[in-house]
Amino acid sequence: MNRKLSDLIDEMIHHEIGIKLALREVEAMYIQKVLSYHQGNITLAADQLNMHRNTLTRKIQNLEIDKMKGRSG
């Protein structure tokens, strides 16, 4: 995992991506993946992310994450 993360950071540096954007993108993708894993269930995703569901809901709104992407059907 450290090698993959190091490669990702090298790529971001190469493309001159600032740390604020990099952190925002990583956080958004991580949350989206966890939501997808839990089929859009905010409570289960929040538990796995170790945060309150209201905090997760606010992050979903602020990061403009499509929580419906994670739902099956």
PDB file of N, CA and C in Angstrom:
ATOM      1  N   MET A   1       0.826  -1.192   0.000  1.00  0.00           N
ATOM      2  CA  MET A   1       0.000   0.000   0.000  1.00  0.00           C
ATOM      3  C   MET A   1       0.873   1.260   0.000  1.00  0.00           C
ATOM      4  N   ASN A   2       1.947   1.245   0.772  1.00  0.00           N
ATOM      5  CA  ASN A   2       2.814   2.422   0.813  1.00  0.00           C
ATOM      6  C   ASN A   2       3.383   2.750  -0.556  1.00  0.00           C
ATOM      7  N   ARG A   3       3.727   1.717  -1.324  1.00  0.00           N
ATOM      8  CA  ARG A   3       4.289   1.935  -2.663  1.00  0.00           C
ATOM      9  C   ARG A   3       3.241   2.574  -3.577  1.00  0.00           C
ATOM     10  N   LYS A   4       2.015   2.083  -3.536  1.00  0.00           N
ATOM     11  CA  LYS A   4       0.949   2.646  -4.373  1.00  0.00           C
ATOM     12  C   LYS A   4       0.670   4.096  -3.992  1.00  0.00           C
ATOM     13  N   LEU A   5       0.644   4.357  -2.703  1.00  0.00           N
ATOM     14  CA  LEU A   5       0.400   5.717  -2.231  1.00  0.00           C
ATOM     15  C   LEU A   5       1.541   6.640  -2.643  1.00  0.00           C
ATOM     16  N   SER A   6       2.755   6.144  -2.535  1.00  0.00           N
ATOM     17  CA  SER A   6       3.920   6.927  -2.944  1.00  0.00           C
ATOM     18  C   SER A   6       3.866   7.251  -4.437  1.00  0.00           C
ATOM     19  N   ASP A   7       3.474   6.271  -5.242  1.00  0.00           N
ATOM     20  CA  ASP A   7       3.346   6.493  -6.688  1.00  0.00           C
ATOM     21  C   ASP A   7       2.269   7.531  -6.989  1.00  0.00           C
ATOM     22  N   LEU A   8       1.157   7.461  -6.268  1.00  0.00           N
ATOM     23  CA  LEU A   8       0.076   8.426  -6.454  1.00  0.00           C
ATOM     24  C   LEU A   8       0.544   9.836  -6.108  1.00  0.00           C
ATOM     25  N   ILE A   9       1.250   9.969  -5.011  1.00  0.00           N
ATOM     26  CA  ILE A   9       1.758  11.282  -4.600  1.00  0.00           C
ATOM     27  C   ILE A   9       2.758  11.807  -5.619  1.00  0.00           C
ATOM     28  N   ASP A  10       3.631  10.934  -6.120  1.00  0.00           N
ATOM     29  CA  ASP A  10       4.576  11.346  -7.167  1.00  0.00           C
ATOM     30  C   ASP A  10       3.839  11.876  -8.389  1.00  0.00           C
ATOM     31  N   GLU A  11       2.767  11.202  -8.764  1.00  0.00           N
ATOM     32  CA  GLU A  11       1.966  11.622  -9.921  1.00  0.00           C
ATOM     33  C   GLU A  11       1.321  12.988  -9.670  1.00  0.00           C
ATOM     34  N   MET A  12       0.805  13.197  -8.478  1.00  0.00           N
ATOM     35  CA  MET A  12       0.196  14.481  -8.133  1.00  0.00           C
ATOM     36  C   MET A  12       1.233  15.604  -8.161  1.00  0.00           C
ATOM     37  N   ILE A  13       2.425  15.317  -7.651  1.00  0.00           N
ATOM     38  CA  ILE A  13       3.499  16.312  -7.677  1.00  0.00           C
ATOM     39  C   ILE A  13       3.874  16.636  -9.115  1.00  0.00           C
ATOM     40  N   HIS A  14       3.990  15.604  -9.932  1.00  0.00           N
ATOM     41  CA  HIS A  14       4.344  15.789 -11.344  1.00  0.00           C
ATOM     42  C   HIS A  14       3.334  16.696 -12.058  1.00  0.00           C
ATOM     43  N   HIS A  15       2.064  16.551 -11.701  1.00  0.00           N
ATOM     44  CA  HIS A  15       1.002  17.350 -12.326  1.00  0.00           C
ATOM     45  C   HIS A  15       0.719  18.645 -11.563  1.00  0.00           C
ATOM     46  N   GLU A  16       1.566  18.957 -10.580  1.00  0.00           N
ATOM     47  CA  GLU A  16       1.474  20.196  -9.807  1.00  0.00           C
ATOM     48  C   GLU A  16       0.111  20.391  -9.140  1.00  0.00           C
ATOM     49  N   ILE A  17      -0.400  19.307  -8.574  1.00  0.00           N
ATOM     50  CA  ILE A  17      -1.670  19.359  -7.859  1.00  0.00           C
ATOM     51  C   ILE A  17      -1.380  19.790  -6.424  1.00  0.00           C
ATOM     52  N   GLY A  18      -2.059  20.841  -5.969  1.00  0.00           N
ATOM     53  CA  GLY A  18      -1.869  21.346  -4.611  1.00  0.00           C
ATOM     54  C   GLY A  18      -2.410  20.382  -3.575  1.00  0.00           C
ATOM     55  N   ILE A  19      -1.931  20.525  -2.361  1.00  0.00           N
ATOM     56  CA  ILE A  19      -2.309  19.593  -1.298  1.00  0.00           C
ATOM     57  C   ILE A  19      -3.798  19.671  -0.959  1.00  0.00           C
ATOM     58  N   LYS A  20      -4.386  20.865  -1.004  1.00  0.00           N
ATOM     59  CA  LYS A  20      -5.817  20.983  -0.682  1.00  0.00           C
ATOM     60  C   LYS A  20      -6.663  20.187  -1.670  1.00  0.00           C
ATOM     61  N   LEU A  21      -6.362  20.331  -2.963  1.00  0.00           N
ATOM     62  CA  LEU A  21      -7.107  19.583  -3.978  1.00  0.00           C
ATOM     63  C   LEU A  21      -6.832  18.089  -3.853  1.00  0.00           C
ATOM     64  N   ALA A  22      -5.582  17.733  -3.615  1.00  0.00           N
ATOM     65  CA  ALA A  22      -5.222  16.319  -3.484  1.00  0.00           C
ATOM     66  C   ALA A  22      -5.984  15.670  -2.330  1.00  0.00           C
ATOM     67  N   LEU A  23      -5.995  16.327  -1.182  1.00  0.00           N
ATOM     68  CA  LEU A  23      -6.695  15.783  -0.018  1.00  0.00           C
ATOM     69  C   LEU A  23      -8.197  15.704  -0.263  1.00  0.00           C
ATOM     70  N   ARG A  24      -8.750  16.720  -0.910  1.00  0.00           N
ATOM     71  CA  ARG A  24     -10.183  16.726  -1.225  1.00  0.00           C
ATOM     72  C   ARG A  24     -10.543  15.551  -2.136  1.00  0.00           C
ATOM     73  N   GLU A  25      -9.734  15.341  -3.160  1.00  0.00           N
ATOM     74  CA  GLU A  25     -10.005  14.261  -4.114  1.00  0.00           C
ATOM     75  C   GLU A  25      -9.877  12.885  -3.460  1.00  0.00           C
ATOM     76  N   VAL A  26      -8.851  12.708  -2.637  1.00  0.00           N
ATOM     77  CA  VAL A  26      -8.663  11.427  -1.956  1.00  0.00           C
ATOM     78  C   VAL A  26      -9.817  11.173  -0.986  1.00  0.00           C
ATOM     79  N   GLU A  27     -10.195  12.192  -0.221  1.00  0.00           N
ATOM     80  CA  GLU A  27     -11.296  12.040   0.729  1.00  0.00           C
ATOM     81  C   GLU A  27     -12.597  11.709   0.007  1.00  0.00           C
ATOM     82  N   ALA A  28     -12.881  12.407  -1.074  1.00  0.00           N
ATOM     83  CA  ALA A  28     -14.116  12.173  -1.821  1.00  0.00           C
ATOM     84  C   ALA A  28     -14.151  10.759  -2.396  1.00  0.00           C
ATOM     85  N   MET A  29     -13.043  10.315  -2.970  1.00  0.00           N
ATOM     86  CA  MET A  29     -13.020   8.981  -3.557  1.00  0.00           C
ATOM     87  C   MET A  29     -13.120   7.904  -2.479  1.00  0.00           C
ATOM     88  N   TYR A  30     -12.453   8.119  -1.364  1.00  0.00           N
ATOM     89  CA  TYR A  30     -12.503   7.149  -0.268  1.00  0.00           C
ATOM     90  C   TYR A  30     -13.940   7.011   0.248  1.00  0.00           C
ATOM     91  N   ILE A  31     -14.585   8.138   0.472  1.00  0.00           N
ATOM     92  CA  ILE A  31     -15.974   8.117   0.946  1.00  0.00           C
ATOM     93  C   ILE A  31     -16.874   7.453  -0.086  1.00  0.00           C
ATOM     94  N   GLN A  32     -16.693   7.780  -1.368  1.00  0.00           N
ATOM     95  CA  GLN A  32     -17.514   7.183  -2.425  1.00  0.00           C
ATOM     96  C   GLN A  32     -17.345   5.667  -2.458  1.00  0.00           C
ATOM     97  N   LYS A  33     -16.120   5.191  -2.314  1.00  0.00           N
ATOM     98  CA  LYS A  33     -15.859   3.743  -2.330  1.00  0.00           C
ATOM     99  C   LYS A  33     -16.510   3.050  -1.135  1.00  0.00           C
ATOM    100  N   VAL A  34     -16.424   3.663   0.047  1.00  0.00           N
ATOM    101  CA  VAL A  34     -17.042   3.069   1.235  1.00  0.00           C
ATOM    102  C   VAL A  34     -18.562   3.071   1.088  1.00  0.00           C
ATOM    103  N   LEU A  35     -19.118   4.153   0.567  1.00  0.00           N
ATOM    104  CA  LEU A  35     -20.567   4.200   0.317  1.00  0.00           C
ATOM    105  C   LEU A  35     -20.983   3.110  -0.664  1.00  0.00           C
ATOM    106  N   SER A  36     -20.208   2.933  -1.704  1.00  0.00           N
ATOM    107  CA  SER A  36     -20.502   1.907  -2.697  1.00  0.00           C
ATOM    108  C   SER A  36     -20.455   0.521  -2.059  1.00  0.00           C
ATOM    109  N   TYR A  37     -19.441   0.288  -1.240  1.00  0.00           N
ATOM    110  CA  TYR A  37     -19.294  -0.996  -0.550  1.00  0.00           C
ATOM    111  C   TYR A  37     -20.529  -1.304   0.293  1.00  0.00           C
ATOM    112  N   HIS A  38     -21.104  -0.262   0.903  1.00  0.00           N
ATOM    113  CA  HIS A  38     -22.278  -0.425   1.763  1.00  0.00           C
ATOM    114  C   HIS A  38     -23.573  -0.083   1.026  1.00  0.00           C
ATOM    115  N   GLN A  39     -23.526  -0.088  -0.299  1.00  0.00           N
ATOM    116  CA  GLN A  39     -24.691   0.146  -1.158  1.00  0.00           C
ATOM    117  C   GLN A  39     -25.439   1.425  -0.795  1.00  0.00           C
ATOM    118  N   GLY A  40     -24.685   2.473  -0.486  1.00  0.00           N
ATOM    119  CA  GLY A  40     -25.272   3.776  -0.213  1.00  0.00           C
ATOM    120  C   GLY A  40     -25.790   3.968   1.200  1.00  0.00           C
ATOM    121  N   ASN A  41     -25.610   2.980   2.065  1.00  0.00           N
ATOM    122  CA  ASN A  41     -26.097   3.076   3.440  1.00  0.00           C
ATOM    123  C   ASN A  41     -25.176   3.994   4.250  1.00  0.00           C
ATOM    124  N   ILE A  42     -25.696   5.173   4.575  1.00  0.00           N
ATOM    125  CA  ILE A  42     -24.914   6.202   5.268  1.00  0.00           C
ATOM    126  C   ILE A  42     -24.471   5.735   6.654  1.00  0.00           C
ATOM    127  N   THR A  43     -25.352   5.079   7.383  1.00  0.00           N
ATOM    128  CA  THR A  43     -25.032   4.650   8.740  1.00  0.00           C
ATOM    129  C   THR A  43     -23.888   3.640   8.747  1.00  0.00           C
ATOM    130  N   LEU A  44     -23.964   2.639   7.869  1.00  0.00           N
ATOM    131  CA  LEU A  44     -22.898   1.639   7.800  1.00  0.00           C
ATOM    132  C   LEU A  44     -21.587   2.262   7.327  1.00  0.00           C
ATOM    133  N   ALA A  45     -21.677   3.145   6.341  1.00  0.00           N
ATOM    134  CA  ALA A  45     -20.474   3.817   5.833  1.00  0.00           C
ATOM    135  C   ALA A  45     -19.846   4.681   6.924  1.00  0.00           C
ATOM    136  N   ALA A  46     -20.670   5.422   7.648  1.00  0.00           N
ATOM    137  CA  ALA A  46     -20.157   6.281   8.723  1.00  0.00           C
ATOM    138  C   ALA A  46     -19.471   5.444   9.799  1.00  0.00           C
ATOM    139  N   ASP A  47     -20.057   4.301  10.130  1.00  0.00           N
ATOM    140  CA  ASP A  47     -19.435   3.417  11.120  1.00  0.00           C
ATOM    141  C   ASP A  47     -18.054   2.968  10.646  1.00  0.00           C
ATOM    142  N   GLN A  48     -17.949   2.554   9.390  1.00  0.00           N
ATOM    143  CA  GLN A  48     -16.658   2.104   8.872  1.00  0.00           C
ATOM    144  C   GLN A  48     -15.649   3.249   8.821  1.00  0.00           C
ATOM    145  N   LEU A  49     -16.124   4.445   8.496  1.00  0.00           N
ATOM    146  CA  LEU A  49     -15.245   5.614   8.413  1.00  0.00           C
ATOM    147  C   LEU A  49     -14.934   6.205   9.788  1.00  0.00           C
ATOM    148  N   ASN A  50     -15.585   5.650  10.817  1.00  0.00           N
ATOM    149  CA  ASN A  50     -15.382   6.098  12.199  1.00  0.00           C
ATOM    150  C   ASN A  50     -15.761   7.573  12.375  1.00  0.00           C
ATOM    151  N   MET A  51     -16.941   7.920  11.854  1.00  0.00           N
ATOM    152  CA  MET A  51     -17.454   9.280  12.033  1.00  0.00           C
ATOM    153  C   MET A  51     -18.969   9.216  12.226  1.00  0.00           C
ATOM    154  N   HIS A  52     -19.530  10.255  12.782  1.00  0.00           N
ATOM    155  CA  HIS A  52     -20.976  10.341  12.969  1.00  0.00           C
ATOM    156  C   HIS A  52     -21.647  10.458  11.606  1.00  0.00           C
ATOM    157  N   ARG A  53     -22.827   9.880  11.481  1.00  0.00           N
ATOM    158  CA  ARG A  53     -23.516   9.912  10.175  1.00  0.00           C
ATOM    159  C   ARG A  53     -23.844  11.334   9.729  1.00  0.00           C
ATOM    160  N   ASN A  54     -24.089  12.249  10.673  1.00  0.00           N
ATOM    161  CA  ASN A  54     -24.335  13.644  10.288  1.00  0.00           C
ATOM    162  C   ASN A  54     -23.078  14.282   9.693  1.00  0.00           C
ATOM    163  N   THR A  55     -21.925  13.924  10.246  1.00  0.00           N
ATOM    164  CA  THR A  55     -20.659  14.420   9.698  1.00  0.00           C
ATOM    165  C   THR A  55     -20.464  13.884   8.289  1.00  0.00           C
ATOM    166  N   LEU A  56     -20.747  12.599   8.096  1.00  0.00           N
ATOM    167  CA  LEU A  56     -20.622  12.006   6.762  1.00  0.00           C
ATOM    168  C   LEU A  56     -21.588  12.667   5.786  1.00  0.00           C
ATOM    169  N   THR A  57     -22.810  12.896   6.205  1.00  0.00           N
ATOM    170  CA  THR A  57     -23.790  13.556   5.339  1.00  0.00           C
ATOM    171  C   THR A  57     -23.304  14.939   4.924  1.00  0.00           C
ATOM    172  N   ARG A  58     -22.740  15.677   5.858  1.00  0.00           N
ATOM    173  CA  ARG A  58     -22.209  17.011   5.550  1.00  0.00           C
ATOM    174  C   ARG A  58     -21.030  16.914   4.571  1.00  0.00           C
ATOM    175  N   LYS A  59     -20.160  15.938   4.769  1.00  0.00           N
ATOM    176  CA  LYS A  59     -19.028  15.753   3.857  1.00  0.00           C
ATOM    177  C   LYS A  59     -19.515  15.383   2.458  1.00  0.00           C
ATOM    178  N   ILE A  60     -20.531  14.551   2.375  1.00  0.00           N
ATOM    179  CA  ILE A  60     -21.101  14.164   1.083  1.00  0.00           C
ATOM    180  C   ILE A  60     -21.606  15.405   0.355  1.00  0.00           C
ATOM    181  N   GLN A  61     -22.272  16.288   1.081  1.00  0.00           N
ATOM    182  CA  GLN A  61     -22.769  17.529   0.480  1.00  0.00           C
ATOM    183  C   GLN A  61     -21.624  18.454   0.084  1.00  0.00           C
ATOM    184  N   ASN A  62     -20.675  18.660   0.984  1.00  0.00           N
ATOM    185  CA  ASN A  62     -19.566  19.583   0.725  1.00  0.00           C
ATOM    186  C   ASN A  62     -18.657  19.108  -0.400  1.00  0.00           C
ATOM    187  N   LEU A  63     -18.450  17.797  -0.474  1.00  0.00           N
ATOM    188  CA  LEU A  63     -17.576  17.237  -1.506  1.00  0.00           C
ATOM    189  C   LEU A  63     -18.338  16.909  -2.793  1.00  0.00           C
ATOM    190  N   GLU A  64     -19.654  17.160  -2.768  1.00  0.00           N
ATOM    191  CA  GLU A  64     -20.523  16.926  -3.927  1.00  0.00           C
ATOM    192  C   GLU A  64     -20.435  15.480  -4.406  1.00  0.00           C
ATOM    193  N   ILE A  65     -20.544  14.554  -3.453  1.00  0.00           N
ATOM    194  CA  ILE A  65     -20.505  13.126  -3.747  1.00  0.00           C
ATOM    195  C   ILE A  65     -21.916  12.667  -4.070  1.00  0.00           C
ATOM    196  N   ASP A  66     -22.027  11.863  -5.117  1.00  0.00           N
ATOM    197  CA  ASP A  66     -23.322  11.305  -5.499  1.00  0.00           C
ATOM    198  C   ASP A  66     -23.528  10.014  -4.714  1.00  0.00           C
ATOM    199  N   LYS A  67     -24.253  10.097  -3.600  1.00  0.00           N
ATOM    200  CA  LYS A  67     -24.434   8.912  -2.760  1.00  0.00           C
ATOM    201  C   LYS A  67     -25.296   7.857  -3.442  1.00  0.00           C
ATOM    202  N   MET A  68     -26.070   8.250  -4.451  1.00  0.00           N
ATOM    203  CA  MET A  68     -26.895   7.288  -5.173  1.00  0.00           C
ATOM    204  C   MET A  68     -26.038   6.362  -6.034  1.00  0.00           C
ATOM    205  N   LYS A  69     -24.819   6.782  -6.347  1.00  0.00           N
ATOM    206  CA  LYS A  69     -23.906   5.958  -7.128  1.00  0.00           C
ATOM    207  C   LYS A  69     -23.632   4.634  -6.434  1.00  0.00           C
ATOM    208  N   GLY A  70     -23.694   4.648  -5.129  1.00  0.00           N
ATOM    209  CA  GLY A  70     -23.376   3.460  -4.359  1.00  0.00           C
ATOM    210  C   GLY A  70     -24.527   2.492  -4.180  1.00  0.00           C
ATOM    211  N   ARG A  71     -25.718   2.902  -4.556  1.00  0.00           N
ATOM    212  CA  ARG A  71     -26.892   2.048  -4.354  1.00  0.00           C
ATOM    213  C   ARG A  71     -27.053   1.068  -5.506  1.00  0.00           C
ATOM    214  N   SER A  72     -27.473  -0.139  -5.172  1.00  0.00           N
ATOM    215  CA  SER A  72     -27.747  -1.125  -6.221  1.00  0.00           C
ATOM    216  C   SER A  72     -29.200  -1.001  -6.645  1.00  0.00           C
ATOM    217  N   GLY A  73     -29.462  -1.442  -7.879  1.00  0.00           N
ATOM    218  CA  GLY A  73     -30.851  -1.446  -8.340  1.00  0.00           C
ATOM    219  C   GLY A  73     -31.186  -0.447  -9.311  1.00  0.00           C
TER     220      GLY A  73
END
